[in-house]
Amino acid sequence: MERKVKKQAKFHIKTGDTVKVISGDDKGKTGKVLSVDTAKRRAFVEGLNMITKHVKPTAAKPEGGIEKKEASIQISNLMLVDPKTGEATRTGRKADENGKLVRYSKKTGEVING
């Protein structure tokens, strides 16, 4: 019996990309992607979707307290910002001259590095 290997999902955004939020409380804001959770289809964006977390005192942080941190955002609510134009754009995939799949901007047709 063959064993099925689950492929890792490919998304239109990657860690380090600049994205724009297209729906939700932070609609219209932009930020840099800190990390992407492929299993849950969510991403953490710097400075967006902030939550307050109550932290118990520990040996490392004896005062404890309340800290603000980023919560994840559904990937479908994010749109990649084209680095050349600075506008949000849809993305596609095409093979480059080496046969490797690369992302490109559907608005300008230019390849997006990263």
N, C-alpha and C. Protein backbone atom coordinates (compact mmCIF):
# COMPACT_ATOMS: atom_id res chain seq x y z
N MET A 1 0.84 -1.17 0.00
CA MET A 1 0.00 0.00 0.00
C MET A 1 0.89 1.25 0.00
N GLU A 2 0.56 2.17 -0.87
CA GLU A 2 1.35 3.40 -0.95
C GLU A 2 1.00 4.33 0.19
N ARG A 3 2.00 5.06 0.58
CA ARG A 3 1.83 6.03 1.64
C ARG A 3 1.62 7.40 1.04
N LYS A 4 0.59 8.10 1.46
CA LYS A 4 0.32 9.43 0.93
C LYS A 4 1.10 10.46 1.72
N VAL A 5 1.84 11.28 1.01
CA VAL A 5 2.61 12.34 1.63
C VAL A 5 1.84 13.64 1.45
N LYS A 6 1.60 14.32 2.56
CA LYS A 6 0.86 15.57 2.50
C LYS A 6 1.81 16.68 2.05
N LYS A 7 1.44 17.35 0.95
CA LYS A 7 2.28 18.43 0.43
C LYS A 7 2.08 19.69 1.26
N GLN A 8 3.13 20.47 1.38
CA GLN A 8 3.03 21.75 2.08
C GLN A 8 2.33 22.74 1.16
N ALA A 9 1.36 23.46 1.72
CA ALA A 9 0.59 24.41 0.93
C ALA A 9 1.47 25.57 0.47
N LYS A 10 1.18 26.07 -0.73
CA LYS A 10 1.89 27.24 -1.25
C LYS A 10 0.91 28.42 -1.24
N PHE A 11 1.37 29.53 -0.69
CA PHE A 11 0.52 30.70 -0.57
C PHE A 11 1.06 31.84 -1.41
N HIS A 12 0.24 32.87 -1.57
CA HIS A 12 0.64 34.04 -2.35
C HIS A 12 1.52 34.98 -1.55
N ILE A 13 1.70 34.72 -0.25
CA ILE A 13 2.60 35.54 0.57
C ILE A 13 3.62 34.66 1.25
N LYS A 14 4.76 35.25 1.57
CA LYS A 14 5.84 34.57 2.28
C LYS A 14 6.32 35.46 3.41
N THR A 15 7.10 34.88 4.31
CA THR A 15 7.70 35.65 5.39
C THR A 15 8.60 36.74 4.81
N GLY A 16 8.44 37.96 5.31
CA GLY A 16 9.25 39.08 4.84
C GLY A 16 8.55 39.95 3.81
N ASP A 17 7.43 39.49 3.25
CA ASP A 17 6.67 40.28 2.28
C ASP A 17 5.95 41.44 2.97
N THR A 18 5.70 42.49 2.22
CA THR A 18 4.85 43.57 2.70
C THR A 18 3.44 43.30 2.19
N VAL A 19 2.47 43.32 3.10
CA VAL A 19 1.10 42.99 2.73
C VAL A 19 0.14 44.09 3.17
N LYS A 20 -1.04 44.10 2.55
CA LYS A 20 -2.11 45.03 2.90
C LYS A 20 -3.30 44.20 3.36
N VAL A 21 -3.95 44.64 4.44
CA VAL A 21 -5.12 43.94 4.95
C VAL A 21 -6.33 44.42 4.15
N ILE A 22 -7.09 43.47 3.58
CA ILE A 22 -8.21 43.85 2.72
C ILE A 22 -9.56 43.70 3.41
N SER A 23 -9.61 43.09 4.61
CA SER A 23 -10.86 43.04 5.36
C SER A 23 -10.56 42.83 6.83
N GLY A 24 -11.50 43.24 7.67
CA GLY A 24 -11.34 43.10 9.11
C GLY A 24 -11.13 44.44 9.78
N ASP A 25 -10.79 44.39 11.08
CA ASP A 25 -10.63 45.62 11.86
C ASP A 25 -9.47 46.48 11.36
N ASP A 26 -8.42 45.86 10.84
CA ASP A 26 -7.23 46.59 10.38
C ASP A 26 -7.25 46.83 8.87
N LYS A 27 -8.43 46.87 8.27
CA LYS A 27 -8.56 47.03 6.82
C LYS A 27 -7.84 48.29 6.34
N GLY A 28 -7.04 48.13 5.26
CA GLY A 28 -6.33 49.26 4.67
C GLY A 28 -4.92 49.44 5.20
N LYS A 29 -4.58 48.81 6.32
CA LYS A 29 -3.24 48.97 6.89
C LYS A 29 -2.27 48.01 6.23
N THR A 30 -0.99 48.39 6.24
CA THR A 30 0.05 47.55 5.66
C THR A 30 1.08 47.20 6.72
N GLY A 31 1.78 46.10 6.50
CA GLY A 31 2.82 45.67 7.42
C GLY A 31 3.64 44.55 6.81
N LYS A 32 4.69 44.19 7.52
CA LYS A 32 5.61 43.15 7.07
C LYS A 32 5.23 41.82 7.71
N VAL A 33 5.23 40.74 6.93
CA VAL A 33 4.87 39.41 7.44
C VAL A 33 6.01 38.87 8.29
N LEU A 34 5.71 38.56 9.56
CA LEU A 34 6.70 38.01 10.47
C LEU A 34 6.83 36.50 10.32
N SER A 35 5.70 35.80 10.20
CA SER A 35 5.72 34.36 10.00
C SER A 35 4.40 33.91 9.39
N VAL A 36 4.42 32.71 8.79
CA VAL A 36 3.24 32.14 8.17
C VAL A 36 3.02 30.75 8.75
N ASP A 37 1.80 30.48 9.23
CA ASP A 37 1.43 29.17 9.74
C ASP A 37 0.66 28.45 8.64
N THR A 38 1.34 27.55 7.91
CA THR A 38 0.74 26.90 6.76
C THR A 38 -0.37 25.94 7.16
N ALA A 39 -0.27 25.29 8.32
CA ALA A 39 -1.30 24.35 8.75
C ALA A 39 -2.62 25.04 9.03
N LYS A 40 -2.56 26.22 9.63
CA LYS A 40 -3.78 26.96 9.98
C LYS A 40 -4.16 28.02 8.95
N ARG A 41 -3.33 28.19 7.91
CA ARG A 41 -3.56 29.18 6.85
C ARG A 41 -3.66 30.59 7.42
N ARG A 42 -2.74 30.93 8.33
CA ARG A 42 -2.75 32.24 8.98
C ARG A 42 -1.35 32.83 8.96
N ALA A 43 -1.26 34.16 9.09
CA ALA A 43 0.03 34.85 9.08
C ALA A 43 0.06 35.89 10.19
N PHE A 44 1.25 36.13 10.72
CA PHE A 44 1.47 37.18 11.71
C PHE A 44 2.09 38.37 10.99
N VAL A 45 1.45 39.54 11.12
CA VAL A 45 1.92 40.75 10.43
C VAL A 45 2.35 41.76 11.49
N GLU A 46 3.52 42.35 11.28
CA GLU A 46 4.11 43.28 12.23
C GLU A 46 3.21 44.49 12.47
N GLY A 47 2.82 44.69 13.74
CA GLY A 47 2.06 45.86 14.14
C GLY A 47 0.56 45.81 13.84
N LEU A 48 0.06 44.69 13.33
CA LEU A 48 -1.36 44.58 13.00
C LEU A 48 -2.03 43.49 13.82
N ASN A 49 -3.35 43.64 14.04
CA ASN A 49 -4.16 42.71 14.81
C ASN A 49 -3.57 42.49 16.20
N MET A 50 -3.31 43.60 16.91
CA MET A 50 -2.68 43.54 18.22
C MET A 50 -3.66 43.06 19.29
N ILE A 51 -3.16 42.20 20.18
CA ILE A 51 -3.95 41.72 21.31
C ILE A 51 -3.18 42.01 22.59
N THR A 52 -3.90 42.02 23.73
CA THR A 52 -3.23 42.17 25.01
C THR A 52 -3.20 40.82 25.68
N LYS A 53 -2.05 40.47 26.22
CA LYS A 53 -1.86 39.17 26.86
C LYS A 53 -1.41 39.40 28.30
N HIS A 54 -2.09 38.79 29.23
CA HIS A 54 -1.73 38.89 30.64
C HIS A 54 -0.66 37.85 30.94
N VAL A 55 0.48 38.31 31.47
CA VAL A 55 1.63 37.43 31.69
C VAL A 55 1.86 37.26 33.19
N LYS A 56 1.94 36.01 33.63
CA LYS A 56 2.20 35.74 35.04
C LYS A 56 3.66 36.03 35.36
N PRO A 57 3.96 36.42 36.57
CA PRO A 57 5.37 36.63 36.94
C PRO A 57 6.15 35.30 36.87
N THR A 58 7.34 35.37 36.29
CA THR A 58 8.23 34.21 36.22
C THR A 58 9.61 34.64 36.69
N ALA A 59 10.53 33.71 36.72
CA ALA A 59 11.90 34.03 37.11
C ALA A 59 12.53 34.98 36.10
N ALA A 60 12.22 34.79 34.82
CA ALA A 60 12.78 35.65 33.79
C ALA A 60 12.15 37.04 33.80
N LYS A 61 10.85 37.11 34.14
CA LYS A 61 10.13 38.38 34.16
C LYS A 61 9.37 38.47 35.48
N PRO A 62 10.04 38.87 36.55
CA PRO A 62 9.40 38.82 37.88
C PRO A 62 8.22 39.76 38.05
N GLU A 63 8.14 40.83 37.24
CA GLU A 63 7.03 41.77 37.42
C GLU A 63 5.75 41.32 36.71
N GLY A 64 5.85 40.40 35.72
CA GLY A 64 4.67 39.95 34.99
C GLY A 64 4.05 41.12 34.24
N GLY A 65 2.71 41.20 34.21
CA GLY A 65 2.04 42.36 33.63
C GLY A 65 1.25 42.05 32.39
N ILE A 66 0.96 43.10 31.64
CA ILE A 66 0.17 43.00 30.41
C ILE A 66 1.08 43.41 29.25
N GLU A 67 1.14 42.55 28.23
CA GLU A 67 1.96 42.89 27.06
C GLU A 67 1.10 42.83 25.80
N LYS A 68 1.44 43.66 24.84
CA LYS A 68 0.74 43.67 23.56
C LYS A 68 1.56 42.88 22.56
N LYS A 69 0.87 42.07 21.75
CA LYS A 69 1.56 41.29 20.72
C LYS A 69 0.63 41.08 19.54
N GLU A 70 1.22 40.67 18.41
CA GLU A 70 0.45 40.45 17.20
C GLU A 70 -0.28 39.11 17.27
N ALA A 71 -1.51 39.10 16.79
CA ALA A 71 -2.26 37.86 16.62
C ALA A 71 -2.26 37.53 15.13
N SER A 72 -2.60 36.31 14.80
CA SER A 72 -2.56 35.90 13.40
C SER A 72 -3.77 36.44 12.64
N ILE A 73 -3.59 36.55 11.33
CA ILE A 73 -4.64 37.02 10.41
C ILE A 73 -4.80 35.95 9.34
N GLN A 74 -6.04 35.67 8.96
CA GLN A 74 -6.31 34.71 7.90
C GLN A 74 -5.63 35.17 6.61
N ILE A 75 -4.95 34.25 5.91
CA ILE A 75 -4.18 34.61 4.72
C ILE A 75 -5.08 35.18 3.62
N SER A 76 -6.34 34.74 3.55
CA SER A 76 -7.25 35.24 2.52
C SER A 76 -7.58 36.71 2.72
N ASN A 77 -7.31 37.26 3.91
CA ASN A 77 -7.58 38.67 4.19
C ASN A 77 -6.36 39.55 3.92
N LEU A 78 -5.31 38.99 3.37
CA LEU A 78 -4.08 39.73 3.08
C LEU A 78 -3.83 39.76 1.58
N MET A 79 -3.28 40.89 1.12
CA MET A 79 -2.95 41.04 -0.29
C MET A 79 -1.52 41.56 -0.39
N LEU A 80 -0.74 40.97 -1.26
CA LEU A 80 0.67 41.35 -1.42
C LEU A 80 0.79 42.75 -2.00
N VAL A 81 1.72 43.53 -1.47
CA VAL A 81 2.01 44.86 -2.00
C VAL A 81 3.21 44.74 -2.93
N ASP A 82 3.02 45.18 -4.17
CA ASP A 82 4.08 45.12 -5.17
C ASP A 82 5.22 46.04 -4.74
N PRO A 83 6.45 45.50 -4.60
CA PRO A 83 7.56 46.34 -4.13
C PRO A 83 7.92 47.49 -5.08
N LYS A 84 7.64 47.34 -6.38
CA LYS A 84 8.01 48.39 -7.33
C LYS A 84 7.00 49.54 -7.37
N THR A 85 5.70 49.20 -7.36
CA THR A 85 4.67 50.24 -7.46
C THR A 85 4.14 50.68 -6.11
N GLY A 86 4.22 49.82 -5.10
CA GLY A 86 3.70 50.16 -3.78
C GLY A 86 2.20 49.96 -3.65
N GLU A 87 1.58 49.32 -4.65
CA GLU A 87 0.14 49.07 -4.62
C GLU A 87 -0.12 47.59 -4.39
N ALA A 88 -1.29 47.29 -3.81
CA ALA A 88 -1.68 45.89 -3.61
C ALA A 88 -1.96 45.25 -4.96
N THR A 89 -1.55 43.99 -5.11
CA THR A 89 -1.71 43.30 -6.38
C THR A 89 -2.00 41.83 -6.16
N ARG A 90 -2.70 41.24 -7.12
CA ARG A 90 -2.87 39.80 -7.10
C ARG A 90 -1.59 39.18 -7.64
N THR A 91 -1.35 37.92 -7.30
CA THR A 91 -0.13 37.26 -7.74
C THR A 91 -0.46 36.01 -8.52
N GLY A 92 0.48 35.62 -9.35
CA GLY A 92 0.38 34.38 -10.11
C GLY A 92 1.72 33.67 -10.05
N ARG A 93 1.77 32.48 -10.63
CA ARG A 93 3.01 31.72 -10.69
C ARG A 93 3.30 31.37 -12.14
N LYS A 94 4.57 31.50 -12.51
CA LYS A 94 4.99 31.08 -13.85
C LYS A 94 6.42 30.60 -13.77
N ALA A 95 6.83 29.82 -14.74
CA ALA A 95 8.18 29.28 -14.76
C ALA A 95 9.14 30.32 -15.33
N ASP A 96 10.31 30.46 -14.70
CA ASP A 96 11.31 31.37 -15.23
C ASP A 96 12.18 30.63 -16.25
N GLU A 97 13.29 31.24 -16.67
CA GLU A 97 14.13 30.63 -17.70
C GLU A 97 14.80 29.33 -17.23
N ASN A 98 14.92 29.13 -15.91
CA ASN A 98 15.51 27.90 -15.38
C ASN A 98 14.46 26.82 -15.12
N GLY A 99 13.18 27.13 -15.35
CA GLY A 99 12.12 26.17 -15.11
C GLY A 99 11.59 26.19 -13.68
N LYS A 100 12.09 27.12 -12.86
CA LYS A 100 11.64 27.23 -11.47
C LYS A 100 10.41 28.13 -11.41
N LEU A 101 9.42 27.77 -10.56
CA LEU A 101 8.23 28.60 -10.42
C LEU A 101 8.55 29.85 -9.62
N VAL A 102 8.13 31.00 -10.13
CA VAL A 102 8.33 32.27 -9.44
C VAL A 102 6.99 32.99 -9.37
N ARG A 103 6.85 33.87 -8.38
CA ARG A 103 5.64 34.68 -8.25
C ARG A 103 5.79 35.92 -9.13
N TYR A 104 4.67 36.35 -9.70
CA TYR A 104 4.69 37.58 -10.48
C TYR A 104 3.44 38.40 -10.17
N SER A 105 3.56 39.70 -10.36
CA SER A 105 2.46 40.62 -10.12
C SER A 105 1.53 40.60 -11.32
N LYS A 106 0.24 40.37 -11.09
CA LYS A 106 -0.72 40.35 -12.20
C LYS A 106 -1.01 41.76 -12.68
N LYS A 107 -0.70 42.77 -11.87
CA LYS A 107 -0.95 44.16 -12.26
C LYS A 107 0.12 44.64 -13.23
N THR A 108 1.40 44.36 -12.92
CA THR A 108 2.49 44.86 -13.75
C THR A 108 3.14 43.76 -14.59
N GLY A 109 2.96 42.50 -14.21
CA GLY A 109 3.58 41.39 -14.92
C GLY A 109 5.02 41.14 -14.53
N GLU A 110 5.55 41.89 -13.56
CA GLU A 110 6.94 41.74 -13.15
C GLU A 110 7.09 40.65 -12.09
N VAL A 111 8.26 40.00 -12.09
CA VAL A 111 8.55 38.94 -11.12
C VAL A 111 8.79 39.55 -9.76
N ILE A 112 8.23 38.90 -8.72
CA ILE A 112 8.41 39.37 -7.35
C ILE A 112 9.49 38.53 -6.70
N ASN A 113 10.55 39.16 -6.26
CA ASN A 113 11.65 38.44 -5.61
C ASN A 113 11.28 38.11 -4.18
N GLY A 114 11.80 36.98 -3.70
CA GLY A 114 11.55 36.64 -2.30
C GLY A 114 11.10 35.26 -2.08
